[in-house]
Amino acid sequence: MRADSSGLKRPRYPMPDFVRNALGERGLMDAYTQRPAYQQNDYIGWILRAKRQETKESRLRQMLDELERGGVYMNMKHAASEKK
């Protein structure tokens, strides 16, 4: 983890290649970068903290689905990201 200039008070997780690749393949990098820094960081940390590969993959799929759908963040309603 590293500190950055995003305004986060806690260290920021670097984006792993497998997440970057998945975002690119699904065309969701813009949707990801439009989310607040804390959400980006929470998603990456949540995925990386999984102990089992299957759990990492499941969490990655959830993040991708939420970004694609819009209006949701970590299974919670997120009005700011709703698709118009």
Protein backbone atom coordinates (compact mmCIF):
# COMPACT_ATOMS: atom_id res chain seq x y z
CA MET A 1 0.00 0.00 0.00
CA ARG A 2 1.10 3.56 -0.58
CA ALA A 3 -0.08 7.04 0.27
CA ASP A 4 -1.12 9.28 -2.61
CA SER A 5 -2.69 12.63 -3.40
CA SER A 6 -6.29 11.38 -3.69
CA GLY A 7 -7.23 12.78 -0.29
CA LEU A 8 -7.50 9.35 1.31
CA LYS A 9 -6.40 9.31 4.93
CA ARG A 10 -5.33 5.68 4.74
CA PRO A 11 -2.80 4.04 2.41
CA ARG A 12 -3.96 3.31 -1.11
CA TYR A 13 -3.76 -0.19 -2.58
CA PRO A 14 -1.99 -0.37 -5.94
CA MET A 15 -4.13 -1.85 -8.70
CA PRO A 16 -3.00 -5.38 -9.58
CA ASP A 17 -2.59 -6.29 -13.24
CA PHE A 18 -5.40 -8.86 -13.13
CA VAL A 19 -7.87 -6.16 -12.01
CA ARG A 20 -6.60 -3.66 -14.59
CA ASN A 21 -6.92 -6.32 -17.31
CA ALA A 22 -10.45 -7.26 -16.25
CA LEU A 23 -11.55 -3.62 -16.24
CA GLY A 24 -10.06 -3.16 -19.71
CA GLU A 25 -11.62 -6.33 -21.11
CA ARG A 26 -15.07 -5.30 -19.89
CA GLY A 27 -14.61 -1.65 -20.94
CA LEU A 28 -15.13 -0.46 -17.36
CA MET A 29 -11.98 1.51 -16.60
CA ASP A 30 -13.84 4.83 -16.99
CA ALA A 31 -16.63 3.66 -14.68
CA TYR A 32 -13.98 2.63 -12.14
CA THR A 33 -12.02 5.89 -12.31
CA GLN A 34 -15.21 7.94 -12.00
CA ARG A 35 -15.86 6.40 -8.60
CA PRO A 36 -14.50 8.24 -5.54
CA ALA A 37 -10.97 7.33 -4.46
CA TYR A 38 -12.23 5.62 -1.31
CA GLN A 39 -14.43 3.29 -3.37
CA GLN A 40 -11.61 2.44 -5.76
CA ASN A 41 -9.37 1.69 -2.78
CA ASP A 42 -12.05 -0.31 -0.96
CA TYR A 43 -12.72 -2.48 -4.00
CA ILE A 44 -9.03 -3.28 -4.54
CA GLY A 45 -8.35 -3.93 -0.85
CA TRP A 46 -11.44 -6.12 -0.55
CA ILE A 47 -10.38 -8.21 -3.54
CA LEU A 48 -6.74 -8.51 -2.40
CA ARG A 49 -7.60 -9.49 1.18
CA ALA A 50 -9.36 -12.66 0.02
CA LYS A 51 -7.33 -15.71 0.98
CA ARG A 52 -8.65 -18.07 -1.69
CA GLN A 53 -8.32 -17.47 -5.43
CA GLU A 54 -11.98 -18.38 -5.91
CA THR A 55 -12.98 -15.62 -3.49
CA LYS A 56 -10.76 -13.08 -5.27
CA GLU A 57 -12.41 -14.00 -8.56
CA SER A 58 -15.89 -13.78 -7.07
CA ARG A 59 -15.17 -10.35 -5.57
CA LEU A 60 -13.68 -9.15 -8.85
CA ARG A 61 -16.83 -10.27 -10.70
CA GLN A 62 -19.00 -8.44 -8.17
CA MET A 63 -17.01 -5.24 -8.61
CA LEU A 64 -17.21 -5.49 -12.41
CA ASP A 65 -20.94 -6.19 -12.32
CA GLU A 66 -21.56 -3.26 -9.97
CA LEU A 67 -19.53 -0.90 -12.16
CA GLU A 68 -21.38 -2.07 -15.26
CA ARG A 69 -24.81 -1.81 -13.63
CA GLY A 70 -24.18 1.49 -11.83
CA GLY A 71 -26.13 2.70 -8.85
CA VAL A 72 -24.60 0.19 -6.47
CA TYR A 73 -21.43 -0.06 -4.39
CA MET A 74 -20.59 -3.15 -2.32
CA ASN A 75 -24.20 -4.32 -2.58
CA MET A 76 -25.47 -0.96 -1.30
CA LYS A 77 -27.46 1.62 -3.25
CA HIS A 78 -25.17 4.36 -4.58
CA ALA A 79 -27.24 7.06 -6.26
CA ALA A 80 -24.23 9.05 -7.46
CA SER A 81 -23.19 6.24 -9.80
CA GLU A 82 -26.63 5.50 -11.26
CA LYS A 83 -26.66 5.27 -15.02
CA LYS A 84 -28.88 7.89 -16.66
